[in-house]
Amino acid sequence: MSDSIEQRLNDLEIQLAHTQRTCEQLNEVVTKMSMDAQTRERLMKRMVDQIKDLKSNLGESDAGGDEKPPHY
């Protein structure tokens, strides 16, 4: 092979190596973001469930608001 073809081939191999590394880094970022999103989704669901529980507990105590406290 001539020197120019070898140089071009060498340049292409270097570019390919950089492109592969960039793809690996992007995959790592996407994977981390996906895991973070799943964690936030679970936390949000838990918080929504807690709010629903609190609302239902408040609703029950409001219904019996005219009752005397237990110490009477």
N, C-alpha and C. Protein backbone atom coordinates (compact mmCIF):
# COMPACT_ATOMS: atom_id res chain seq x y z
N MET A 1 0.84 -1.18 0.00
CA MET A 1 0.00 0.00 0.00
C MET A 1 0.88 1.24 0.00
N SER A 2 0.34 2.24 -0.58
CA SER A 2 1.10 3.49 -0.58
C SER A 2 0.96 4.16 0.78
N ASP A 3 1.85 5.10 1.02
CA ASP A 3 1.85 5.78 2.32
C ASP A 3 0.56 6.55 2.57
N SER A 4 -0.01 7.16 1.54
CA SER A 4 -1.22 7.95 1.74
C SER A 4 -2.41 7.05 2.10
N ILE A 5 -2.49 5.88 1.49
CA ILE A 5 -3.59 4.95 1.82
C ILE A 5 -3.39 4.41 3.24
N GLU A 6 -2.18 4.07 3.59
CA GLU A 6 -1.91 3.60 4.96
C GLU A 6 -2.24 4.69 5.98
N GLN A 7 -1.89 5.92 5.67
CA GLN A 7 -2.18 7.04 6.58
C GLN A 7 -3.68 7.23 6.73
N ARG A 8 -4.40 7.16 5.61
CA ARG A 8 -5.85 7.31 5.65
C ARG A 8 -6.49 6.17 6.46
N LEU A 9 -6.00 4.97 6.25
CA LEU A 9 -6.50 3.82 7.00
C LEU A 9 -6.22 3.99 8.50
N ASN A 10 -5.04 4.43 8.81
CA ASN A 10 -4.66 4.68 10.21
C ASN A 10 -5.56 5.76 10.81
N ASP A 11 -5.80 6.83 10.08
CA ASP A 11 -6.68 7.91 10.56
C ASP A 11 -8.10 7.39 10.79
N LEU A 12 -8.58 6.55 9.87
CA LEU A 12 -9.92 5.98 10.04
C LEU A 12 -10.00 5.08 11.26
N GLU A 13 -8.97 4.30 11.52
CA GLU A 13 -8.95 3.45 12.71
C GLU A 13 -8.96 4.27 13.98
N ILE A 14 -8.23 5.37 13.97
CA ILE A 14 -8.21 6.27 15.14
C ILE A 14 -9.59 6.88 15.34
N GLN A 15 -10.21 7.35 14.27
CA GLN A 15 -11.54 7.93 14.37
C GLN A 15 -12.55 6.90 14.86
N LEU A 16 -12.44 5.66 14.36
CA LEU A 16 -13.33 4.59 14.81
C LEU A 16 -13.17 4.33 16.30
N ALA A 17 -11.93 4.31 16.77
CA ALA A 17 -11.69 4.08 18.19
C ALA A 17 -12.31 5.20 19.03
N HIS A 18 -12.17 6.44 18.58
CA HIS A 18 -12.77 7.57 19.31
C HIS A 18 -14.30 7.49 19.28
N THR A 19 -14.84 7.11 18.13
CA THR A 19 -16.29 6.99 18.00
C THR A 19 -16.82 5.88 18.90
N GLN A 20 -16.12 4.76 18.97
CA GLN A 20 -16.55 3.67 19.85
C GLN A 20 -16.52 4.09 21.31
N ARG A 21 -15.48 4.81 21.70
CA ARG A 21 -15.38 5.27 23.09
C ARG A 21 -16.50 6.26 23.41
N THR A 22 -16.80 7.14 22.45
CA THR A 22 -17.88 8.10 22.66
C THR A 22 -19.21 7.36 22.82
N CYS A 23 -19.44 6.34 22.01
CA CYS A 23 -20.68 5.55 22.12
C CYS A 23 -20.76 4.86 23.48
N GLU A 24 -19.66 4.33 23.95
CA GLU A 24 -19.63 3.69 25.27
C GLU A 24 -19.96 4.70 26.37
N GLN A 25 -19.37 5.89 26.27
CA GLN A 25 -19.64 6.92 27.28
C GLN A 25 -21.10 7.34 27.24
N LEU A 26 -21.64 7.52 26.04
CA LEU A 26 -23.06 7.90 25.92
C LEU A 26 -23.96 6.80 26.48
N ASN A 27 -23.61 5.56 26.24
CA ASN A 27 -24.40 4.45 26.78
C ASN A 27 -24.37 4.46 28.30
N GLU A 28 -23.22 4.75 28.88
CA GLU A 28 -23.12 4.83 30.34
C GLU A 28 -24.02 5.93 30.88
N VAL A 29 -24.02 7.07 30.21
CA VAL A 29 -24.84 8.20 30.65
C VAL A 29 -26.33 7.85 30.54
N VAL A 30 -26.72 7.26 29.41
CA VAL A 30 -28.12 6.91 29.21
C VAL A 30 -28.56 5.87 30.24
N THR A 31 -27.72 4.90 30.52
CA THR A 31 -28.05 3.87 31.51
C THR A 31 -28.23 4.49 32.89
N LYS A 32 -27.33 5.39 33.27
CA LYS A 32 -27.43 6.06 34.58
C LYS A 32 -28.70 6.91 34.66
N MET A 33 -28.98 7.64 33.59
CA MET A 33 -30.18 8.47 33.58
C MET A 33 -31.45 7.63 33.68
N SER A 34 -31.45 6.47 33.02
CA SER A 34 -32.60 5.58 33.08
C SER A 34 -32.80 5.06 34.50
N MET A 35 -31.70 4.67 35.14
CA MET A 35 -31.80 4.18 36.52
C MET A 35 -32.27 5.29 37.45
N ASP A 36 -31.75 6.51 37.25
CA ASP A 36 -32.19 7.65 38.06
C ASP A 36 -33.67 7.93 37.86
N ALA A 37 -34.13 7.86 36.62
CA ALA A 37 -35.55 8.10 36.33
C ALA A 37 -36.43 7.05 37.00
N GLN A 38 -36.00 5.80 36.96
CA GLN A 38 -36.77 4.74 37.61
C GLN A 38 -36.83 4.95 39.12
N THR A 39 -35.72 5.38 39.70
CA THR A 39 -35.68 5.66 41.14
C THR A 39 -36.63 6.80 41.48
N ARG A 40 -36.58 7.87 40.68
CA ARG A 40 -37.49 9.01 40.93
C ARG A 40 -38.94 8.60 40.76
N GLU A 41 -39.22 7.74 39.79
CA GLU A 41 -40.58 7.29 39.57
C GLU A 41 -41.09 6.49 40.77
N ARG A 42 -40.25 5.61 41.31
CA ARG A 42 -40.66 4.84 42.50
C ARG A 42 -40.89 5.76 43.70
N LEU A 43 -40.00 6.74 43.87
CA LEU A 43 -40.17 7.68 44.99
C LEU A 43 -41.43 8.50 44.83
N MET A 44 -41.71 8.94 43.60
CA MET A 44 -42.91 9.74 43.35
C MET A 44 -44.17 8.92 43.63
N LYS A 45 -44.16 7.66 43.22
CA LYS A 45 -45.32 6.80 43.49
C LYS A 45 -45.51 6.63 44.99
N ARG A 46 -44.41 6.42 45.71
CA ARG A 46 -44.49 6.26 47.15
C ARG A 46 -45.05 7.54 47.80
N MET A 47 -44.60 8.69 47.33
CA MET A 47 -45.07 9.95 47.88
C MET A 47 -46.56 10.16 47.58
N VAL A 48 -46.99 9.81 46.37
CA VAL A 48 -48.41 9.93 46.02
C VAL A 48 -49.24 9.02 46.91
N ASP A 49 -48.76 7.81 47.14
CA ASP A 49 -49.48 6.89 48.02
C ASP A 49 -49.56 7.44 49.45
N GLN A 50 -48.47 8.04 49.92
CA GLN A 50 -48.48 8.62 51.27
C GLN A 50 -49.46 9.78 51.34
N ILE A 51 -49.51 10.60 50.32
CA ILE A 51 -50.44 11.73 50.31
C ILE A 51 -51.88 11.22 50.31
N LYS A 52 -52.14 10.19 49.52
CA LYS A 52 -53.48 9.61 49.51
C LYS A 52 -53.85 9.08 50.88
N ASP A 53 -52.92 8.40 51.55
CA ASP A 53 -53.17 7.89 52.89
C ASP A 53 -53.45 9.03 53.87
N LEU A 54 -52.66 10.08 53.79
CA LEU A 54 -52.87 11.23 54.67
C LEU A 54 -54.23 11.87 54.43
N LYS A 55 -54.59 12.02 53.16
CA LYS A 55 -55.89 12.61 52.84
C LYS A 55 -57.03 11.74 53.36
N SER A 56 -56.90 10.43 53.21
CA SER A 56 -57.97 9.56 53.70
C SER A 56 -58.04 9.60 55.22
N ASN A 57 -56.90 9.68 55.90
CA ASN A 57 -56.90 9.77 57.36
C ASN A 57 -57.49 11.09 57.82
N LEU A 58 -57.21 12.16 57.13
CA LEU A 58 -57.79 13.45 57.48
C LEU A 58 -59.29 13.46 57.22
N GLY A 59 -59.69 12.82 56.16
CA GLY A 59 -61.12 12.72 55.84
C GLY A 59 -61.88 11.98 56.91
N GLU A 60 -61.31 10.94 57.47
CA GLU A 60 -61.97 10.17 58.52
C GLU A 60 -62.09 11.00 59.80
N SER A 61 -61.05 11.73 60.15
CA SER A 61 -61.11 12.50 61.39
C SER A 61 -62.02 13.71 61.24
N ASP A 62 -62.17 14.25 60.02
CA ASP A 62 -63.07 15.38 59.80
C ASP A 62 -64.53 14.95 59.93
N ALA A 63 -64.82 13.72 59.55
CA ALA A 63 -66.20 13.25 59.60
C ALA A 63 -66.69 13.17 61.05
N GLY A 64 -65.81 12.87 61.96
CA GLY A 64 -66.22 12.77 63.37
C GLY A 64 -65.72 13.96 64.17
N GLY A 65 -65.71 15.13 63.60
CA GLY A 65 -65.15 16.32 64.25
C GLY A 65 -65.93 16.79 65.47
N ASP A 66 -67.21 16.40 65.62
CA ASP A 66 -68.02 16.85 66.75
C ASP A 66 -67.93 15.90 67.95
N GLU A 67 -67.21 14.83 67.80
CA GLU A 67 -67.10 13.88 68.89
C GLU A 67 -66.18 14.46 69.97
N LYS A 68 -66.44 14.01 71.22
CA LYS A 68 -65.59 14.44 72.31
C LYS A 68 -64.26 13.70 72.24
N PRO A 69 -63.19 14.32 72.61
CA PRO A 69 -61.89 13.64 72.64
C PRO A 69 -61.95 12.45 73.60
N PRO A 70 -61.10 11.47 73.46
CA PRO A 70 -61.15 10.25 74.28
C PRO A 70 -60.93 10.51 75.77
N HIS A 71 -60.31 11.62 76.16
CA HIS A 71 -60.06 11.83 77.59
C HIS A 71 -61.26 12.35 78.34
N TYR A 72 -62.42 12.60 77.69
CA TYR A 72 -63.62 13.07 78.37
C TYR A 72 -64.46 11.93 78.85
